[in-house]
N, C-alpha and C. Protein backbone atom coordinates (compact mmCIF):
# COMPACT_ATOMS: atom_id res chain seq x y z
N MET A 1 0.88 -0.99 0.07
CA MET A 1 -0.09 0.03 -0.24
C MET A 1 1.06 1.24 -0.01
N GLU A 2 2.00 1.06 0.86
CA GLU A 2 2.89 2.15 0.29
C GLU A 2 3.55 2.93 -0.82
N ALA A 3 3.53 1.66 -1.46
CA ALA A 3 4.20 2.04 -2.72
C ALA A 3 3.00 2.75 -3.61
N ALA A 4 1.99 2.47 -3.55
CA ALA A 4 0.49 3.09 -4.38
C ALA A 4 0.47 4.25 -3.95
N THR A 5 0.87 4.72 -2.81
CA THR A 5 0.74 5.93 -2.03
C THR A 5 1.86 6.99 -2.85
N LYS A 6 3.01 6.42 -2.79
CA LYS A 6 4.06 7.29 -3.32
C LYS A 6 4.00 7.34 -5.15
N THR A 7 3.54 6.51 -5.62
CA THR A 7 2.46 6.64 -6.93
C THR A 7 1.72 7.37 -7.51
N GLY A 8 1.06 7.23 -7.08
CA GLY A 8 -0.42 8.10 -7.12
C GLY A 8 -0.06 9.44 -6.67
N GLY A 9 0.98 9.64 -5.47
CA GLY A 9 1.15 10.88 -5.09
C GLY A 9 2.34 11.65 -6.32
N GLY A 10 3.28 11.07 -6.65
CA GLY A 10 4.25 11.56 -8.04
C GLY A 10 3.28 11.83 -9.06
N ILE A 11 2.41 11.10 -9.79
CA ILE A 11 1.47 10.75 -10.85
C ILE A 11 0.90 12.08 -10.48
N VAL A 12 -0.06 12.76 -9.81
CA VAL A 12 -1.02 13.79 -9.22
C VAL A 12 -0.22 14.76 -9.40
N SER A 13 1.06 14.86 -8.41
CA SER A 13 2.08 16.44 -8.47
C SER A 13 2.45 16.27 -9.94
N ASP A 14 2.85 15.51 -10.65
CA ASP A 14 3.06 16.36 -12.15
C ASP A 14 1.85 16.73 -13.32
N ILE A 15 0.83 16.72 -12.64
CA ILE A 15 -0.20 17.13 -13.65
C ILE A 15 -0.38 18.48 -14.21
N VAL A 16 0.30 19.33 -13.31
CA VAL A 16 0.09 20.44 -13.36
C VAL A 16 1.18 21.23 -14.67
N LYS A 17 2.09 20.25 -14.95
CA LYS A 17 3.01 20.87 -15.84
C LYS A 17 2.69 21.28 -17.27
N LYS A 18 2.52 20.39 -17.71
CA LYS A 18 1.82 20.79 -19.35
C LYS A 18 0.90 19.98 -19.72
N VAL A 19 -0.09 20.70 -20.72
CA VAL A 19 -1.45 20.51 -20.94
C VAL A 19 -1.72 18.67 -21.27
N ALA A 20 -0.66 18.65 -22.39
CA ALA A 20 -0.60 17.33 -23.24
C ALA A 20 0.12 16.04 -22.00
N PHE A 21 0.67 16.78 -21.59
CA PHE A 21 1.10 15.94 -20.37
C PHE A 21 0.35 15.68 -19.64
N ALA A 22 -0.63 16.21 -18.96
CA ALA A 22 -1.71 16.13 -18.33
C ALA A 22 -2.70 15.53 -18.26
N ASN A 23 -3.22 15.84 -19.76
CA ASN A 23 -4.05 14.64 -20.53
C ASN A 23 -3.90 13.15 -20.53
N TYR A 24 -2.51 13.07 -20.85
CA TYR A 24 -1.96 11.70 -20.64
C TYR A 24 -2.03 11.12 -19.44
N VAL A 25 -1.89 11.89 -18.23
CA VAL A 25 -1.60 11.21 -16.81
C VAL A 25 -3.25 11.15 -16.51
N LEU A 26 -3.85 11.86 -16.85
CA LEU A 26 -5.25 11.82 -16.43
C LEU A 26 -5.85 10.40 -17.05
N LYS A 27 -5.62 10.15 -18.21
CA LYS A 27 -6.35 9.05 -19.24
C LYS A 27 -5.76 7.93 -18.17
N ILE A 28 -4.33 8.07 -17.90
CA ILE A 28 -4.16 6.69 -17.49
C ILE A 28 -4.36 6.20 -15.59
N MET A 29 -4.66 7.40 -14.96
CA MET A 29 -5.31 7.77 -13.86
C MET A 29 -6.66 6.89 -13.78
N HIS A 30 -7.55 7.67 -14.81
CA HIS A 30 -8.54 7.03 -15.18
C HIS A 30 -8.45 5.67 -14.90
N HIS A 31 -7.97 4.93 -15.99
CA HIS A 31 -8.09 3.20 -16.20
C HIS A 31 -7.18 3.13 -14.90
N LEU A 32 -6.65 3.82 -14.44
CA LEU A 32 -5.97 2.81 -13.01
C LEU A 32 -7.11 2.48 -11.79
N ILE A 33 -7.99 4.03 -11.73
CA ILE A 33 -9.00 3.81 -10.95
C ILE A 33 -10.07 3.17 -11.13
N GLN A 34 -10.40 2.72 -12.81
CA GLN A 34 -11.60 1.69 -12.78
C GLN A 34 -10.92 0.44 -12.76
N ASN A 35 -9.79 -0.13 -13.48
CA ASN A 35 -8.78 -1.57 -13.24
C ASN A 35 -8.14 -1.93 -12.44
N GLY A 36 -7.54 -0.85 -11.49
CA GLY A 36 -6.50 -0.94 -10.82
C GLY A 36 -6.35 -1.68 -9.38
N HIS A 37 -5.36 -2.09 -8.59
CA HIS A 37 -5.94 -2.56 -7.37
C HIS A 37 -6.72 -1.71 -6.33
N PRO A 38 -7.26 -2.06 -5.50
CA PRO A 38 -8.23 -1.47 -4.59
C PRO A 38 -7.43 -0.40 -3.90
N SER A 39 -6.26 -0.77 -3.18
CA SER A 39 -5.33 0.12 -2.17
C SER A 39 -4.88 1.46 -3.15
N PHE A 40 -4.30 1.22 -4.47
CA PHE A 40 -3.73 1.99 -5.43
C PHE A 40 -5.27 3.10 -5.40
N THR A 41 -6.22 2.91 -5.81
CA THR A 41 -7.50 3.77 -5.99
C THR A 41 -7.92 4.09 -4.36
N GLU A 42 -7.75 3.86 -3.59
CA GLU A 42 -7.98 3.97 -2.21
C GLU A 42 -6.98 5.63 -2.16
N GLN A 43 -5.87 5.21 -2.24
CA GLN A 43 -4.59 6.05 -1.94
C GLN A 43 -5.14 7.31 -2.73
N LEU A 44 -5.16 6.70 -4.13
CA LEU A 44 -5.02 8.29 -5.06
C LEU A 44 -6.29 8.91 -4.44
N ARG A 45 -7.41 8.47 -4.23
CA ARG A 45 -9.06 8.99 -3.88
C ARG A 45 -8.18 10.00 -2.15
N LYS A 46 -7.58 9.57 -1.74
CA LYS A 46 -7.31 9.91 -0.54
C LYS A 46 -6.32 11.61 -0.49
N SER A 47 -5.46 11.15 -1.60
CA SER A 47 -4.63 12.32 -2.09
C SER A 47 -4.79 13.05 -3.19
N ASP A 48 -6.42 13.39 -3.20
CA ASP A 48 -7.27 13.80 -4.57
C ASP A 48 -6.67 15.49 -4.44
N GLY A 49 -6.17 16.35 -3.78
CA GLY A 49 -5.84 17.78 -3.43
C GLY A 49 -5.08 18.10 -4.83
N SER A 50 -4.54 17.67 -5.64
CA SER A 50 -3.91 17.46 -6.86
C SER A 50 -5.20 17.58 -8.04
N LEU A 51 -5.73 16.51 -7.52
CA LEU A 51 -6.62 16.08 -8.87
C LEU A 51 -7.52 17.65 -8.41
N LYS A 52 -8.17 17.80 -7.25
CA LYS A 52 -8.97 19.36 -6.98
C LYS A 52 -8.46 20.55 -8.36
N ILE A 53 -7.07 20.34 -7.78
CA ILE A 53 -6.39 21.60 -8.54
C ILE A 53 -6.16 21.12 -10.17
N ALA A 54 -6.20 20.10 -10.67
CA ALA A 54 -6.39 19.69 -11.73
C ALA A 54 -7.85 20.22 -12.80
N THR A 55 -8.84 20.04 -11.75
CA THR A 55 -10.00 20.53 -12.25
C THR A 55 -9.98 21.99 -12.43
N MET A 56 -9.53 22.59 -11.97
CA MET A 56 -9.48 24.04 -12.06
C MET A 56 -7.90 24.89 -13.38
N TYR A 57 -7.97 23.73 -13.60
CA TYR A 57 -6.25 24.02 -14.57
C TYR A 57 -6.60 24.88 -15.58
N ASN A 58 -5.69 26.44 -15.43
CA ASN A 58 -6.10 27.16 -16.55
C ASN A 58 -4.92 28.02 -16.74
N GLY A 59 -4.85 28.62 -18.03
CA GLY A 59 -3.70 29.46 -18.69
C GLY A 59 -3.83 30.38 -19.72
N LEU A 60 -2.95 30.81 -20.07
CA LEU A 60 -2.78 31.79 -20.88
C LEU A 60 -3.91 31.16 -22.38
N PRO A 61 -4.72 31.61 -23.25
CA PRO A 61 -5.45 30.98 -24.02
C PRO A 61 -4.48 30.90 -25.53
N ASP A 62 -4.33 29.81 -26.12
CA ASP A 62 -3.31 29.83 -27.34
C ASP A 62 -3.96 30.07 -28.23
N PRO A 63 -3.69 30.85 -29.46
CA PRO A 63 -3.71 31.86 -30.54
C PRO A 63 -4.55 30.96 -31.45
N LEU A 64 -4.41 29.90 -31.65
CA LEU A 64 -5.23 28.69 -32.66
C LEU A 64 -6.07 27.87 -31.89
N LEU A 65 -5.60 27.35 -30.56
CA LEU A 65 -6.58 26.57 -29.90
C LEU A 65 -7.51 27.15 -28.79
N GLY A 66 -7.34 28.27 -28.17
CA GLY A 66 -7.97 29.01 -27.35
C GLY A 66 -7.93 28.26 -26.00
N SER A 67 -8.71 28.09 -25.50
CA SER A 67 -8.92 27.55 -23.87
C SER A 67 -9.06 25.89 -24.10
N SER A 68 -9.40 25.82 -25.27
CA SER A 68 -10.09 24.21 -25.51
C SER A 68 -8.69 23.16 -24.71
N PRO A 69 -7.34 23.45 -24.86
CA PRO A 69 -6.77 22.50 -24.22
C PRO A 69 -6.96 22.36 -22.78
N TYR A 70 -7.09 23.18 -22.25
CA TYR A 70 -7.45 23.59 -20.59
C TYR A 70 -8.82 22.96 -20.39
N GLU A 71 -9.55 23.15 -21.40
CA GLU A 71 -10.85 22.64 -20.73
C GLU A 71 -10.75 21.36 -21.02
N ALA A 72 -10.15 20.95 -21.37
CA ALA A 72 -9.83 19.03 -21.87
C ALA A 72 -9.25 18.59 -20.61
N VAL A 73 -8.55 19.09 -20.32
CA VAL A 73 -7.75 18.90 -18.68
C VAL A 73 -8.70 18.83 -17.30
N ARG A 74 -9.46 19.85 -17.69
CA ARG A 74 -10.57 20.34 -16.37
C ARG A 74 -11.53 18.94 -16.62
N LYS A 75 -11.68 18.73 -17.73
CA LYS A 75 -12.74 17.61 -18.16
C LYS A 75 -12.18 15.82 -17.33
N LYS A 76 -11.59 16.16 -17.94
CA LYS A 76 -10.47 14.46 -17.59
C LYS A 76 -10.59 14.69 -16.27
N ALA A 77 -10.27 15.43 -15.31
CA ALA A 77 -10.17 15.63 -13.87
C ALA A 77 -11.16 15.43 -12.89
N GLN A 78 -12.42 15.70 -14.03
CA GLN A 78 -13.64 15.83 -13.11
C GLN A 78 -14.11 14.15 -12.95
N VAL A 79 -13.70 13.45 -14.13
CA VAL A 79 -13.79 12.05 -14.40
C VAL A 79 -13.21 11.01 -13.24
């Protein structure tokens, strides 16, 4: 269970670095929550502070994409 805590915390803290990476990490976390070991899921949900931050993820709008990349991260974090 300790390894699950370290792994989940490490992944969650990296979410806020880049939009593309955030989407990728959130997709993996979503899969692990649905299919992973119950202890991993439990620890991930307990340390959801960074997940809550990801639901508010925002930045300057891209000239071509606007705010859609940030909206995608927020939407994926809410799942």
